[in-house]
Amino acid sequence: VQLQAFGGGLVQAGGSLRLSCGASGRTFRGYSVAWFRQAPGKEREFVVAIRWTDGATSYADSVKGRFTISRDNAKNMVYLQMNNLKSDDTAVYYCAAAPRLIYSSLPVLSSYDNWGQGTLVTVSS
């Protein structure tokens, strides 16, 4: 499955942004879809994931209560609503997908074999 992430941009601290991830080549059915991010000079880290089969979600502690992942079955899209953004949220955000993941594997970077190109989110303080 080919992924495309978009929606990044420049936003002030405390603001909101919504990222989108679309798939081409097949639907997300049966897949788990995640967002990871990579800040300058840092390793790529898990943000949030959703399992398509049952809608189960997993969030990194750093974004709980601020970020929300959702899906649109009809449009074959996954969204990341980011509220109350902080300067630490500045990063390139990547969407990733993998089939048939167990819940404990959702936050694990190596679980995913399909990656989008990334979209830059810059939060100004």
PDB file of N, CA and C in Angstrom:
ATOM      1  N   VAL A   1       0.843  -1.185   0.000  1.00  0.00           N
ATOM      2  CA  VAL A   1       0.000   0.000   0.000  1.00  0.00           C
ATOM      3  C   VAL A   1       0.888   1.247   0.000  1.00  0.00           C
ATOM      4  N   GLN A   2       0.540   2.202  -0.837  1.00  0.00           N
ATOM      5  CA  GLN A   2       1.288   3.465  -0.890  1.00  0.00           C
ATOM      6  C   GLN A   2       0.557   4.508  -0.061  1.00  0.00           C
ATOM      7  N   LEU A   3       1.322   5.198   0.762  1.00  0.00           N
ATOM      8  CA  LEU A   3       0.730   6.161   1.676  1.00  0.00           C
ATOM      9  C   LEU A   3       1.149   7.577   1.312  1.00  0.00           C
ATOM     10  N   GLN A   4       0.253   8.501   1.568  1.00  0.00           N
ATOM     11  CA  GLN A   4       0.561   9.906   1.368  1.00  0.00           C
ATOM     12  C   GLN A   4       0.057  10.693   2.561  1.00  0.00           C
ATOM     13  N   ALA A   5       0.964  11.405   3.206  1.00  0.00           N
ATOM     14  CA  ALA A   5       0.613  12.232   4.357  1.00  0.00           C
ATOM     15  C   ALA A   5       0.645  13.690   3.945  1.00  0.00           C
ATOM     16  N   PHE A   6      -0.309  14.442   4.430  1.00  0.00           N
ATOM     17  CA  PHE A   6      -0.329  15.868   4.135  1.00  0.00           C
ATOM     18  C   PHE A   6      -1.083  16.613   5.223  1.00  0.00           C
ATOM     19  N   GLY A   7      -0.968  17.930   5.193  1.00  0.00           N
ATOM     20  CA  GLY A   7      -1.668  18.757   6.170  1.00  0.00           C
ATOM     21  C   GLY A   7      -0.749  19.494   7.127  1.00  0.00           C
ATOM     22  N   GLY A   8       0.556  19.261   7.025  1.00  0.00           N
ATOM     23  CA  GLY A   8       1.471  19.953   7.914  1.00  0.00           C
ATOM     24  C   GLY A   8       1.545  21.438   7.607  1.00  0.00           C
ATOM     25  N   GLY A   9       2.204  22.160   8.503  1.00  0.00           N
ATOM     26  CA  GLY A   9       2.343  23.591   8.303  1.00  0.00           C
ATOM     27  C   GLY A   9       2.903  24.257   9.535  1.00  0.00           C
ATOM     28  N   LEU A  10       2.822  25.574   9.530  1.00  0.00           N
ATOM     29  CA  LEU A  10       3.312  26.387  10.647  1.00  0.00           C
ATOM     30  C   LEU A  10       2.129  26.834  11.487  1.00  0.00           C
ATOM     31  N   VAL A  11       2.233  26.621  12.785  1.00  0.00           N
ATOM     32  CA  VAL A  11       1.154  26.995  13.695  1.00  0.00           C
ATOM     33  C   VAL A  11       1.763  27.519  14.981  1.00  0.00           C
ATOM     34  N   GLN A  12       1.062  28.427  15.623  1.00  0.00           N
ATOM     35  CA  GLN A  12       1.529  28.954  16.894  1.00  0.00           C
ATOM     36  C   GLN A  12       1.251  27.967  18.018  1.00  0.00           C
ATOM     37  N   ALA A  13       2.047  28.042  19.042  1.00  0.00           N
ATOM     38  CA  ALA A  13       1.821  27.210  20.220  1.00  0.00           C
ATOM     39  C   ALA A  13       0.402  27.434  20.742  1.00  0.00           C
ATOM     40  N   GLY A  14      -0.249  26.335  21.112  1.00  0.00           N
ATOM     41  CA  GLY A  14      -1.629  26.395  21.549  1.00  0.00           C
ATOM     42  C   GLY A  14      -2.629  26.216  20.428  1.00  0.00           C
ATOM     43  N   GLY A  15      -2.152  26.249  19.213  1.00  0.00           N
ATOM     44  CA  GLY A  15      -3.033  26.110  18.059  1.00  0.00           C
ATOM     45  C   GLY A  15      -3.302  24.658  17.707  1.00  0.00           C
ATOM     46  N   SER A  16      -4.013  24.473  16.595  1.00  0.00           N
ATOM     47  CA  SER A  16      -4.429  23.146  16.155  1.00  0.00           C
ATOM     48  C   SER A  16      -4.064  22.929  14.692  1.00  0.00           C
ATOM     49  N   LEU A  17      -3.953  21.665  14.351  1.00  0.00           N
ATOM     50  CA  LEU A  17      -3.648  21.277  12.981  1.00  0.00           C
ATOM     51  C   LEU A  17      -4.202  19.876  12.775  1.00  0.00           C
ATOM     52  N   ARG A  18      -4.639  19.585  11.567  1.00  0.00           N
ATOM     53  CA  ARG A  18      -5.094  18.233  11.267  1.00  0.00           C
ATOM     54  C   ARG A  18      -4.274  17.651  10.123  1.00  0.00           C
ATOM     55  N   LEU A  19      -3.702  16.511  10.368  1.00  0.00           N
ATOM     56  CA  LEU A  19      -2.960  15.792   9.345  1.00  0.00           C
ATOM     57  C   LEU A  19      -3.839  14.702   8.746  1.00  0.00           C
ATOM     58  N   SER A  20      -3.572  14.396   7.500  1.00  0.00           N
ATOM     59  CA  SER A  20      -4.321  13.359   6.804  1.00  0.00           C
ATOM     60  C   SER A  20      -3.365  12.342   6.202  1.00  0.00           C
ATOM     61  N   CYS A  21      -3.818  11.116   6.150  1.00  0.00           N
ATOM     62  CA  CYS A  21      -3.036  10.041   5.539  1.00  0.00           C
ATOM     63  C   CYS A  21      -3.968   9.242   4.643  1.00  0.00           C
ATOM     64  N   GLY A  22      -3.610   9.178   3.377  1.00  0.00           N
ATOM     65  CA  GLY A  22      -4.403   8.425   2.428  1.00  0.00           C
ATOM     66  C   GLY A  22      -3.615   7.268   1.855  1.00  0.00           C
ATOM     67  N   ALA A  23      -4.340   6.272   1.391  1.00  0.00           N
ATOM     68  CA  ALA A  23      -3.706   5.087   0.822  1.00  0.00           C
ATOM     69  C   ALA A  23      -4.129   4.914  -0.626  1.00  0.00           C
ATOM     70  N   SER A  24      -3.203   4.469  -1.421  1.00  0.00           N
ATOM     71  CA  SER A  24      -3.514   4.119  -2.804  1.00  0.00           C
ATOM     72  C   SER A  24      -3.038   2.697  -3.055  1.00  0.00           C
ATOM     73  N   GLY A  25      -3.693   2.031  -3.946  1.00  0.00           N
ATOM     74  CA  GLY A  25      -3.299   0.669  -4.246  1.00  0.00           C
ATOM     75  C   GLY A  25      -4.137  -0.377  -3.555  1.00  0.00           C
ATOM     76  N   ARG A  26      -4.685  -0.008  -2.386  1.00  0.00           N
ATOM     77  CA  ARG A  26      -5.590  -0.895  -1.677  1.00  0.00           C
ATOM     78  C   ARG A  26      -6.232  -0.088  -0.557  1.00  0.00           C
ATOM     79  N   THR A  27      -7.194  -0.700   0.118  1.00  0.00           N
ATOM     80  CA  THR A  27      -7.827  -0.019   1.241  1.00  0.00           C
ATOM     81  C   THR A  27      -7.050  -0.307   2.521  1.00  0.00           C
ATOM     82  N   PHE A  28      -7.413   0.441   3.570  1.00  0.00           N
ATOM     83  CA  PHE A  28      -6.800   0.227   4.878  1.00  0.00           C
ATOM     84  C   PHE A  28      -7.406  -0.969   5.611  1.00  0.00           C
ATOM     85  N   ARG A  29      -8.428  -1.583   5.037  1.00  0.00           N
ATOM     86  CA  ARG A  29      -9.088  -2.676   5.725  1.00  0.00           C
ATOM     87  C   ARG A  29      -8.081  -3.755   6.105  1.00  0.00           C
ATOM     88  N   GLY A  30      -8.111  -4.153   7.382  1.00  0.00           N
ATOM     89  CA  GLY A  30      -7.202  -5.180   7.856  1.00  0.00           C
ATOM     90  C   GLY A  30      -5.852  -4.654   8.290  1.00  0.00           C
ATOM     91  N   TYR A  31      -5.614  -3.372   8.095  1.00  0.00           N
ATOM     92  CA  TYR A  31      -4.333  -2.781   8.458  1.00  0.00           C
ATOM     93  C   TYR A  31      -4.447  -2.003   9.770  1.00  0.00           C
ATOM     94  N   SER A  32      -3.300  -1.780  10.362  1.00  0.00           N
ATOM     95  CA  SER A  32      -3.158  -0.800  11.421  1.00  0.00           C
ATOM     96  C   SER A  32      -2.413   0.387  10.827  1.00  0.00           C
ATOM     97  N   VAL A  33      -2.835   1.583  11.207  1.00  0.00           N
ATOM     98  CA  VAL A  33      -2.231   2.804  10.677  1.00  0.00           C
ATOM     99  C   VAL A  33      -1.727   3.638  11.844  1.00  0.00           C
ATOM    100  N   ALA A  34      -0.522   4.125  11.706  1.00  0.00           N
ATOM    101  CA  ALA A  34       0.093   4.869  12.800  1.00  0.00           C
ATOM    102  C   ALA A  34       0.692   6.170  12.296  1.00  0.00           C
ATOM    103  N   TRP A  35       0.891   7.067  13.223  1.00  0.00           N
ATOM    104  CA  TRP A  35       1.662   8.286  12.985  1.00  0.00           C
ATOM    105  C   TRP A  35       2.914   8.214  13.851  1.00  0.00           C
ATOM    106  N   PHE A  36       4.025   8.468  13.229  1.00  0.00           N
ATOM    107  CA  PHE A  36       5.295   8.637  13.913  1.00  0.00           C
ATOM    108  C   PHE A  36       5.798  10.039  13.597  1.00  0.00           C
ATOM    109  N   ARG A  37       6.742  10.503  14.384  1.00  0.00           N
ATOM    110  CA  ARG A  37       7.325  11.802  14.094  1.00  0.00           C
ATOM    111  C   ARG A  37       8.817  11.783  14.366  1.00  0.00           C
ATOM    112  N   GLN A  38       9.503  12.669  13.681  1.00  0.00           N
ATOM    113  CA  GLN A  38      10.948  12.760  13.856  1.00  0.00           C
ATOM    114  C   GLN A  38      11.341  14.221  13.904  1.00  0.00           C
ATOM    115  N   ALA A  39      11.838  14.629  15.050  1.00  0.00           N
ATOM    116  CA  ALA A  39      12.322  15.993  15.235  1.00  0.00           C
ATOM    117  C   ALA A  39      13.791  16.063  14.809  1.00  0.00           C
ATOM    118  N   PRO A  40      14.264  17.242  14.471  1.00  0.00           N
ATOM    119  CA  PRO A  40      15.666  17.389  14.052  1.00  0.00           C
ATOM    120  C   PRO A  40      16.638  16.837  15.088  1.00  0.00           C
ATOM    121  N   GLY A  41      17.524  15.967  14.655  1.00  0.00           N
ATOM    122  CA  GLY A  41      18.535  15.414  15.548  1.00  0.00           C
ATOM    123  C   GLY A  41      18.039  14.326  16.477  1.00  0.00           C
ATOM    124  N   LYS A  42      16.787  13.920  16.310  1.00  0.00           N
ATOM    125  CA  LYS A  42      16.225  12.897  17.190  1.00  0.00           C
ATOM    126  C   LYS A  42      15.768  11.691  16.389  1.00  0.00           C
ATOM    127  N   GLU A  43      15.550  10.598  17.095  1.00  0.00           N
ATOM    128  CA  GLU A  43      15.060   9.399  16.447  1.00  0.00           C
ATOM    129  C   GLU A  43      13.555   9.514  16.189  1.00  0.00           C
ATOM    130  N   ARG A  44      13.111   8.739  15.223  1.00  0.00           N
ATOM    131  CA  ARG A  44      11.680   8.700  14.934  1.00  0.00           C
ATOM    132  C   ARG A  44      10.957   8.061  16.118  1.00  0.00           C
ATOM    133  N   GLU A  45       9.860   8.690  16.511  1.00  0.00           N
ATOM    134  CA  GLU A  45       9.137   8.191  17.673  1.00  0.00           C
ATOM    135  C   GLU A  45       7.654   7.995  17.373  1.00  0.00           C
ATOM    136  N   PHE A  46       7.065   7.095  18.099  1.00  0.00           N
ATOM    137  CA  PHE A  46       5.650   6.778  17.961  1.00  0.00           C
ATOM    138  C   PHE A  46       4.792   7.914  18.504  1.00  0.00           C
ATOM    139  N   VAL A  47       3.692   8.178  17.812  1.00  0.00           N
ATOM    140  CA  VAL A  47       2.733   9.185  18.259  1.00  0.00           C
ATOM    141  C   VAL A  47       1.391   8.526  18.598  1.00  0.00           C
ATOM    142  N   VAL A  48       0.809   7.851  17.619  1.00  0.00           N
ATOM    143  CA  VAL A  48      -0.509   7.267  17.818  1.00  0.00           C
ATOM    144  C   VAL A  48      -0.764   6.249  16.721  1.00  0.00           C
ATOM    145  N   ALA A  49      -1.626   5.282  17.013  1.00  0.00           N
ATOM    146  CA  ALA A  49      -1.992   4.279  16.015  1.00  0.00           C
ATOM    147  C   ALA A  49      -3.442   3.868  16.194  1.00  0.00           C
ATOM    148  N   ILE A  50      -4.021   3.376  15.108  1.00  0.00           N
ATOM    149  CA  ILE A  50      -5.372   2.856  15.135  1.00  0.00           C
ATOM    150  C   ILE A  50      -5.406   1.552  14.353  1.00  0.00           C
ATOM    151  N   ARG A  51      -6.122   0.590  14.909  1.00  0.00           N
ATOM    152  CA  ARG A  51      -6.260  -0.698  14.244  1.00  0.00           C
ATOM    153  C   ARG A  51      -7.583  -0.696  13.490  1.00  0.00           C
ATOM    154  N   TRP A  52      -7.515  -0.960  12.192  1.00  0.00           N
ATOM    155  CA  TRP A  52      -8.703  -0.804  11.345  1.00  0.00           C
ATOM    156  C   TRP A  52      -9.805  -1.770  11.712  1.00  0.00           C
ATOM    157  N   THR A  53      -9.432  -2.999  12.138  1.00  0.00           N
ATOM    158  CA  THR A  53     -10.434  -4.039  12.354  1.00  0.00           C
ATOM    159  C   THR A  53     -11.396  -3.710  13.481  1.00  0.00           C
ATOM    160  N   ASP A  54     -10.882  -3.165  14.571  1.00  0.00           N
ATOM    161  CA  ASP A  54     -11.749  -2.910  15.723  1.00  0.00           C
ATOM    162  C   ASP A  54     -11.681  -1.472  16.231  1.00  0.00           C
ATOM    163  N   GLY A  55     -10.884  -0.627  15.578  1.00  0.00           N
ATOM    164  CA  GLY A  55     -10.799   0.764  16.002  1.00  0.00           C
ATOM    165  C   GLY A  55      -9.978   0.996  17.250  1.00  0.00           C
ATOM    166  N   ALA A  56      -9.306  -0.032  17.728  1.00  0.00           N
ATOM    167  CA  ALA A  56      -8.466   0.139  18.918  1.00  0.00           C
ATOM    168  C   ALA A  56      -7.377   1.168  18.649  1.00  0.00           C
ATOM    169  N   THR A  57      -7.102   1.996  19.644  1.00  0.00           N
ATOM    170  CA  THR A  57      -6.098   3.046  19.489  1.00  0.00           C
ATOM    171  C   THR A  57      -5.032   2.945  20.569  1.00  0.00           C
ATOM    172  N   SER A  58      -3.886   3.486  20.247  1.00  0.00           N
ATOM    173  CA  SER A  58      -2.772   3.543  21.179  1.00  0.00           C
ATOM    174  C   SER A  58      -2.121   4.908  21.023  1.00  0.00           C
ATOM    175  N   TYR A  59      -1.877   5.578  22.138  1.00  0.00           N
ATOM    176  CA  TYR A  59      -1.307   6.920  22.117  1.00  0.00           C
ATOM    177  C   TYR A  59      -0.017   6.974  22.921  1.00  0.00           C
ATOM    178  N   ALA A  60       0.916   7.755  22.451  1.00  0.00           N
ATOM    179  CA  ALA A  60       2.090   8.070  23.250  1.00  0.00           C
ATOM    180  C   ALA A  60       1.653   8.971  24.406  1.00  0.00           C
ATOM    181  N   ASP A  61       2.292   8.811  25.544  1.00  0.00           N
ATOM    182  CA  ASP A  61       1.906   9.602  26.712  1.00  0.00           C
ATOM    183  C   ASP A  61       2.021  11.102  26.440  1.00  0.00           C
ATOM    184  N   SER A  62       2.972  11.478  25.626  1.00  0.00           N
ATOM    185  CA  SER A  62       3.231  12.897  25.380  1.00  0.00           C
ATOM    186  C   SER A  62       2.105  13.594  24.617  1.00  0.00           C
ATOM    187  N   VAL A  63       1.221  12.831  23.983  1.00  0.00           N
ATOM    188  CA  VAL A  63       0.159  13.452  23.185  1.00  0.00           C
ATOM    189  C   VAL A  63      -1.237  13.125  23.695  1.00  0.00           C
ATOM    190  N   LYS A  64      -1.330  12.290  24.701  1.00  0.00           N
ATOM    191  CA  LYS A  64      -2.644  11.926  25.238  1.00  0.00           C
ATOM    192  C   LYS A  64      -3.397  13.170  25.696  1.00  0.00           C
ATOM    193  N   GLY A  65      -4.665  13.230  25.329  1.00  0.00           N
ATOM    194  CA  GLY A  65      -5.487  14.367  25.697  1.00  0.00           C
ATOM    195  C   GLY A  65      -5.371  15.545  24.751  1.00  0.00           C
ATOM    196  N   ARG A  66      -4.398  15.518  23.855  1.00  0.00           N
ATOM    197  CA  ARG A  66      -4.219  16.617  22.894  1.00  0.00           C
ATOM    198  C   ARG A  66      -4.420  16.167  21.451  1.00  0.00           C
ATOM    199  N   PHE A  67      -3.991  14.963  21.140  1.00  0.00           N
ATOM    200  CA  PHE A  67      -4.084  14.442  19.784  1.00  0.00           C
ATOM    201  C   PHE A  67      -5.179  13.380  19.722  1.00  0.00           C
ATOM    202  N   THR A  68      -5.834  13.308  18.571  1.00  0.00           N
ATOM    203  CA  THR A  68      -6.865  12.298  18.355  1.00  0.00           C
ATOM    204  C   THR A  68      -6.715  11.707  16.962  1.00  0.00           C
ATOM    205  N   ILE A  69      -6.674  10.394  16.889  1.00  0.00           N
ATOM    206  CA  ILE A  69      -6.614   9.720  15.604  1.00  0.00           C
ATOM    207  C   ILE A  69      -8.022   9.243  15.248  1.00  0.00           C
ATOM    208  N   SER A  70      -8.356   9.334  13.983  1.00  0.00           N
ATOM    209  CA  SER A  70      -9.659   8.866  13.530  1.00  0.00           C
ATOM    210  C   SER A  70      -9.526   8.323  12.117  1.00  0.00           C
ATOM    211  N   ARG A  71     -10.548   7.644  11.684  1.00  0.00           N
ATOM    212  CA  ARG A  71     -10.524   7.045  10.353  1.00  0.00           C
ATOM    213  C   ARG A  71     -11.840   7.318   9.640  1.00  0.00           C
ATOM    214  N   ASP A  72     -11.783   7.306   8.343  1.00  0.00           N
ATOM    215  CA  ASP A  72     -12.980   7.450   7.517  1.00  0.00           C
ATOM    216  C   ASP A  72     -12.973   6.277   6.549  1.00  0.00           C
ATOM    217  N   ASN A  73     -13.813   5.299   6.829  1.00  0.00           N
ATOM    218  CA  ASN A  73     -13.822   4.094   6.008  1.00  0.00           C
ATOM    219  C   ASN A  73     -14.160   4.392   4.551  1.00  0.00           C
ATOM    220  N   ALA A  74     -15.135   5.252   4.350  1.00  0.00           N
ATOM    221  CA  ALA A  74     -15.597   5.535   2.994  1.00  0.00           C
ATOM    222  C   ALA A  74     -14.514   6.217   2.157  1.00  0.00           C
ATOM    223  N   LYS A  75     -13.748   7.091   2.794  1.00  0.00           N
ATOM    224  CA  LYS A  75     -12.715   7.833   2.070  1.00  0.00           C
ATOM    225  C   LYS A  75     -11.360   7.147   2.141  1.00  0.00           C
ATOM    226  N   ASN A  76     -11.272   6.089   2.932  1.00  0.00           N
ATOM    227  CA  ASN A  76     -10.002   5.385   3.094  1.00  0.00           C
ATOM    228  C   ASN A  76      -8.902   6.334   3.567  1.00  0.00           C
ATOM    229  N   MET A  77      -9.239   7.092   4.604  1.00  0.00           N
ATOM    230  CA  MET A  77      -8.336   8.097   5.126  1.00  0.00           C
ATOM    231  C   MET A  77      -8.190   7.928   6.639  1.00  0.00           C
ATOM    232  N   VAL A  78      -7.046   8.323   7.131  1.00  0.00           N
ATOM    233  CA  VAL A  78      -6.811   8.406   8.567  1.00  0.00           C
ATOM    234  C   VAL A  78      -6.401   9.832   8.878  1.00  0.00           C
ATOM    235  N   TYR A  79      -6.925  10.356   9.964  1.00  0.00           N
ATOM    236  CA  TYR A  79      -6.667  11.739  10.340  1.00  0.00           C
ATOM    237  C   TYR A  79      -5.994  11.801  11.709  1.00  0.00           C
ATOM    238  N   LEU A  80      -5.187  12.816  11.884  1.00  0.00           N
ATOM    239  CA  LEU A  80      -4.590  13.099  13.184  1.00  0.00           C
ATOM    240  C   LEU A  80      -4.933  14.538  13.535  1.00  0.00           C
ATOM    241  N   GLN A  81      -5.854  14.690  14.468  1.00  0.00           N
ATOM    242  CA  GLN A  81      -6.219  16.021  14.958  1.00  0.00           C
ATOM    243  C   GLN A  81      -5.290  16.370  16.107  1.00  0.00           C
ATOM    244  N   MET A  82      -4.573  17.465  15.956  1.00  0.00           N
ATOM    245  CA  MET A  82      -3.610  17.876  16.967  1.00  0.00           C
ATOM    246  C   MET A  82      -4.043  19.203  17.560  1.00  0.00           C
ATOM    247  N   ASN A  83      -4.325  19.203  18.840  1.00  0.00           N
ATOM    248  CA  ASN A  83      -4.758  20.404  19.541  1.00  0.00           C
ATOM    249  C   ASN A  83      -3.736  20.791  20.598  1.00  0.00           C
ATOM    250  N   ASN A  84      -3.810  22.040  21.015  1.00  0.00           N
ATOM    251  CA  ASN A  84      -2.908  22.544  22.051  1.00  0.00           C
ATOM    252  C   ASN A  84      -1.453  22.189  21.727  1.00  0.00           C
ATOM    253  N   LEU A  85      -1.058  22.509  20.531  1.00  0.00           N
ATOM    254  CA  LEU A  85       0.280  22.154  20.082  1.00  0.00           C
ATOM    255  C   LEU A  85       1.357  22.892  20.858  1.00  0.00           C
ATOM    256  N   LYS A  86       2.463  22.204  21.050  1.00  0.00           N
ATOM    257  CA  LYS A  86       3.598  22.748  21.781  1.00  0.00           C
ATOM    258  C   LYS A  86       4.821  22.755  20.864  1.00  0.00           C
ATOM    259  N   SER A  87       5.809  23.518  21.254  1.00  0.00           N
ATOM    260  CA  SER A  87       7.024  23.589  20.437  1.00  0.00           C
ATOM    261  C   SER A  87       7.682  22.213  20.317  1.00  0.00           C
ATOM    262  N   ASP A  88       7.535  21.386  21.346  1.00  0.00           N
ATOM    263  CA  ASP A  88       8.107  20.036  21.301  1.00  0.00           C
ATOM    264  C   ASP A  88       7.434  19.144  20.265  1.00  0.00           C
ATOM    265  N   ASP A  89       6.285  19.562  19.753  1.00  0.00           N
ATOM    266  CA  ASP A  89       5.600  18.782  18.726  1.00  0.00           C
ATOM    267  C   ASP A  89       6.170  19.038  17.329  1.00  0.00           C
ATOM    268  N   THR A  90       7.078  19.994  17.218  1.00  0.00           N
ATOM    269  CA  THR A  90       7.697  20.281  15.929  1.00  0.00           C
ATOM    270  C   THR A  90       8.476  19.074  15.424  1.00  0.00           C
ATOM    271  N   ALA A  91       8.120  18.610  14.238  1.00  0.00           N
ATOM    272  CA  ALA A  91       8.739  17.406  13.686  1.00  0.00           C
ATOM    273  C   ALA A  91       8.175  17.147  12.300  1.00  0.00           C
ATOM    274  N   VAL A  92       8.816  16.229  11.612  1.00  0.00           N
ATOM    275  CA  VAL A  92       8.214  15.675  10.413  1.00  0.00           C
ATOM    276  C   VAL A  92       7.356  14.498  10.852  1.00  0.00           C
ATOM    277  N   TYR A  93       6.111  14.517  10.433  1.00  0.00           N
ATOM    278  CA  TYR A  93       5.164  13.479  10.816  1.00  0.00           C
ATOM    279  C   TYR A  93       4.986  12.509   9.654  1.00  0.00           C
ATOM    280  N   TYR A  94       5.094  11.237   9.975  1.00  0.00           N
ATOM    281  CA  TYR A  94       4.967  10.178   8.984  1.00  0.00           C
ATOM    282  C   TYR A  94       3.783   9.287   9.323  1.00  0.00           C
ATOM    283  N   CYS A  95       3.027   8.903   8.314  1.00  0.00           N
ATOM    284  CA  CYS A  95       2.045   7.855   8.543  1.00  0.00           C
ATOM    285  C   CYS A  95       2.630   6.536   8.049  1.00  0.00           C
ATOM    286  N   ALA A  96       2.228   5.482   8.717  1.00  0.00           N
ATOM    287  CA  ALA A  96       2.737   4.155   8.420  1.00  0.00           C
ATOM    288  C   ALA A  96       1.602   3.154   8.554  1.00  0.00           C
ATOM    289  N   ALA A  97       1.726   2.037   7.868  1.00  0.00           N
ATOM    290  CA  ALA A  97       0.675   1.029   7.897  1.00  0.00           C
ATOM    291  C   ALA A  97       1.281  -0.362   7.883  1.00  0.00           C
ATOM    292  N   ALA A  98       0.571  -1.276   8.494  1.00  0.00           N
ATOM    293  CA  ALA A  98       0.989  -2.676   8.503  1.00  0.00           C
ATOM    294  C   ALA A  98      -0.242  -3.546   8.719  1.00  0.00           C
ATOM    295  N   PRO A  99      -0.227  -4.730   8.149  1.00  0.00           N
ATOM    296  CA  PRO A  99      -1.384  -5.608   8.314  1.00  0.00           C
ATOM    297  C   PRO A  99      -1.314  -6.421   9.600  1.00  0.00           C
ATOM    298  N   ARG A 100      -2.485  -6.658  10.164  1.00  0.00           N
ATOM    299  CA  ARG A 100      -2.674  -7.653  11.225  1.00  0.00           C
ATOM    300  C   ARG A 100      -1.707  -7.507  12.403  1.00  0.00           C
ATOM    301  N   LEU A 101      -1.666  -6.333  12.984  1.00  0.00           N
ATOM    302  CA  LEU A 101      -0.822  -6.137  14.162  1.00  0.00           C
ATOM    303  C   LEU A 101      -1.578  -6.452  15.441  1.00  0.00           C
ATOM    304  N   ILE A 102      -0.898  -7.083  16.380  1.00  0.00           N
ATOM    305  CA  ILE A 102      -1.482  -7.221  17.702  1.00  0.00           C
ATOM    306  C   ILE A 102      -1.306  -5.897  18.434  1.00  0.00           C
ATOM    307  N   TYR A 103      -2.105  -5.702  19.456  1.00  0.00           N
ATOM    308  CA  TYR A 103      -2.159  -4.399  20.104  1.00  0.00           C
ATOM    309  C   TYR A 103      -0.792  -3.953  20.618  1.00  0.00           C
ATOM    310  N   SER A 104      -0.038  -4.864  21.191  1.00  0.00           N
ATOM    311  CA  SER A 104       1.255  -4.499  21.769  1.00  0.00           C
ATOM    312  C   SER A 104       2.265  -4.063  20.708  1.00  0.00           C
ATOM    313  N   SER A 105       2.016  -4.396  19.470  1.00  0.00           N
ATOM    314  CA  SER A 105       2.936  -4.022  18.391  1.00  0.00           C
ATOM    315  C   SER A 105       2.622  -2.664  17.785  1.00  0.00           C
ATOM    316  N   LEU A 106       1.500  -2.091  18.129  1.00  0.00           N
ATOM    317  CA  LEU A 106       1.100  -0.825  17.513  1.00  0.00           C
ATOM    318  C   LEU A 106       2.137   0.293  17.685  1.00  0.00           C
ATOM    319  N   PRO A 107       2.772   0.440  18.839  1.00  0.00           N
ATOM    320  CA  PRO A 107       3.733   1.547  18.995  1.00  0.00           C
ATOM    321  C   PRO A 107       5.149   1.247  18.483  1.00  0.00           C
ATOM    322  N   VAL A 108       5.351   0.069  17.951  1.00  0.00           N
ATOM    323  CA  VAL A 108       6.703  -0.363  17.597  1.00  0.00           C
ATOM    324  C   VAL A 108       7.018   0.007  16.152  1.00  0.00           C
ATOM    325  N   LEU A 109       8.041   0.806  15.964  1.00  0.00           N
ATOM    326  CA  LEU A 109       8.391   1.318  14.640  1.00  0.00           C
ATOM    327  C   LEU A 109       8.647   0.187  13.639  1.00  0.00           C
ATOM    328  N   SER A 110       9.339  -0.836  14.066  1.00  0.00           N
ATOM    329  CA  SER A 110       9.708  -1.932  13.164  1.00  0.00           C
ATOM    330  C   SER A 110       8.513  -2.791  12.752  1.00  0.00           C
ATOM    331  N   SER A 111       7.347  -2.558  13.361  1.00  0.00           N
ATOM    332  CA  SER A 111       6.149  -3.303  12.978  1.00  0.00           C
ATOM    333  C   SER A 111       5.631  -2.880  11.610  1.00  0.00           C
ATOM    334  N   TYR A 112       6.024  -1.708  11.160  1.00  0.00           N
ATOM    335  CA  TYR A 112       5.421  -1.093   9.978  1.00  0.00           C
ATOM    336  C   TYR A 112       6.336  -1.202   8.766  1.00  0.00           C
ATOM    337  N   ASP A 113       5.754  -1.623   7.650  1.00  0.00           N
ATOM    338  CA  ASP A 113       6.546  -1.787   6.439  1.00  0.00           C
ATOM    339  C   ASP A 113       6.072  -0.896   5.291  1.00  0.00           C
ATOM    340  N   ASN A 114       5.093  -0.063   5.564  1.00  0.00           N
ATOM    341  CA  ASN A 114       4.630   0.891   4.558  1.00  0.00           C
ATOM    342  C   ASN A 114       4.679   2.283   5.171  1.00  0.00           C
ATOM    343  N   TRP A 115       5.361   3.193   4.510  1.00  0.00           N
ATOM    344  CA  TRP A 115       5.562   4.541   5.051  1.00  0.00           C
ATOM    345  C   TRP A 115       5.227   5.595   4.017  1.00  0.00           C
ATOM    346  N   GLY A 116       4.628   6.670   4.500  1.00  0.00           N
ATOM    347  CA  GLY A 116       4.410   7.826   3.657  1.00  0.00           C
ATOM    348  C   GLY A 116       5.649   8.705   3.649  1.00  0.00           C
ATOM    349  N   GLN A 117       5.571   9.808   2.910  1.00  0.00           N
ATOM    350  CA  GLN A 117       6.751  10.645   2.696  1.00  0.00           C
ATOM    351  C   GLN A 117       6.984  11.658   3.810  1.00  0.00           C
ATOM    352  N   GLY A 118       6.047  11.839   4.702  1.00  0.00           N
ATOM    353  CA  GLY A 118       6.215  12.776   5.798  1.00  0.00           C
ATOM    354  C   GLY A 118       5.703  14.162   5.479  1.00  0.00           C
ATOM    355  N   THR A 119       5.214  14.822   6.501  1.00  0.00           N
ATOM    356  CA  THR A 119       4.748  16.202   6.370  1.00  0.00           C
ATOM    357  C   THR A 119       5.249  16.977   7.586  1.00  0.00           C
ATOM    358  N   LEU A 120       5.771  18.169   7.341  1.00  0.00           N
ATOM    359  CA  LEU A 120       6.433  18.945   8.390  1.00  0.00           C
ATOM    360  C   LEU A 120       5.426  19.757   9.192  1.00  0.00           C
ATOM    361  N   VAL A 121       5.527  19.625  10.493  1.00  0.00           N
ATOM    362  CA  VAL A 121       4.740  20.438  11.421  1.00  0.00           C
ATOM    363  C   VAL A 121       5.711  21.293  12.222  1.00  0.00           C
ATOM    364  N   THR A 122       5.507  22.597  12.169  1.00  0.00           N
ATOM    365  CA  THR A 122       6.352  23.522  12.904  1.00  0.00           C
ATOM    366  C   THR A 122       5.481  24.327  13.856  1.00  0.00           C
ATOM    367  N   VAL A 123       5.809  24.246  15.138  1.00  0.00           N
ATOM    368  CA  VAL A 123       5.048  24.970  16.146  1.00  0.00           C
ATOM    369  C   VAL A 123       5.930  26.089  16.682  1.00  0.00           C
ATOM    370  N   SER A 124       5.480  27.295  16.503  1.00  0.00           N
ATOM    371  CA  SER A 124       6.251  28.449  16.960  1.00  0.00           C
ATOM    372  C   SER A 124       5.787  28.865  18.347  1.00  0.00           C
ATOM    373  N   SER A 125       6.748  29.210  19.173  1.00  0.00           N
ATOM    374  CA  SER A 125       6.408  29.602  20.551  1.00  0.00           C
ATOM    375  C   SER A 125       6.313  31.106  20.684  1.00  0.00           C
TER     376      SER A 125
END
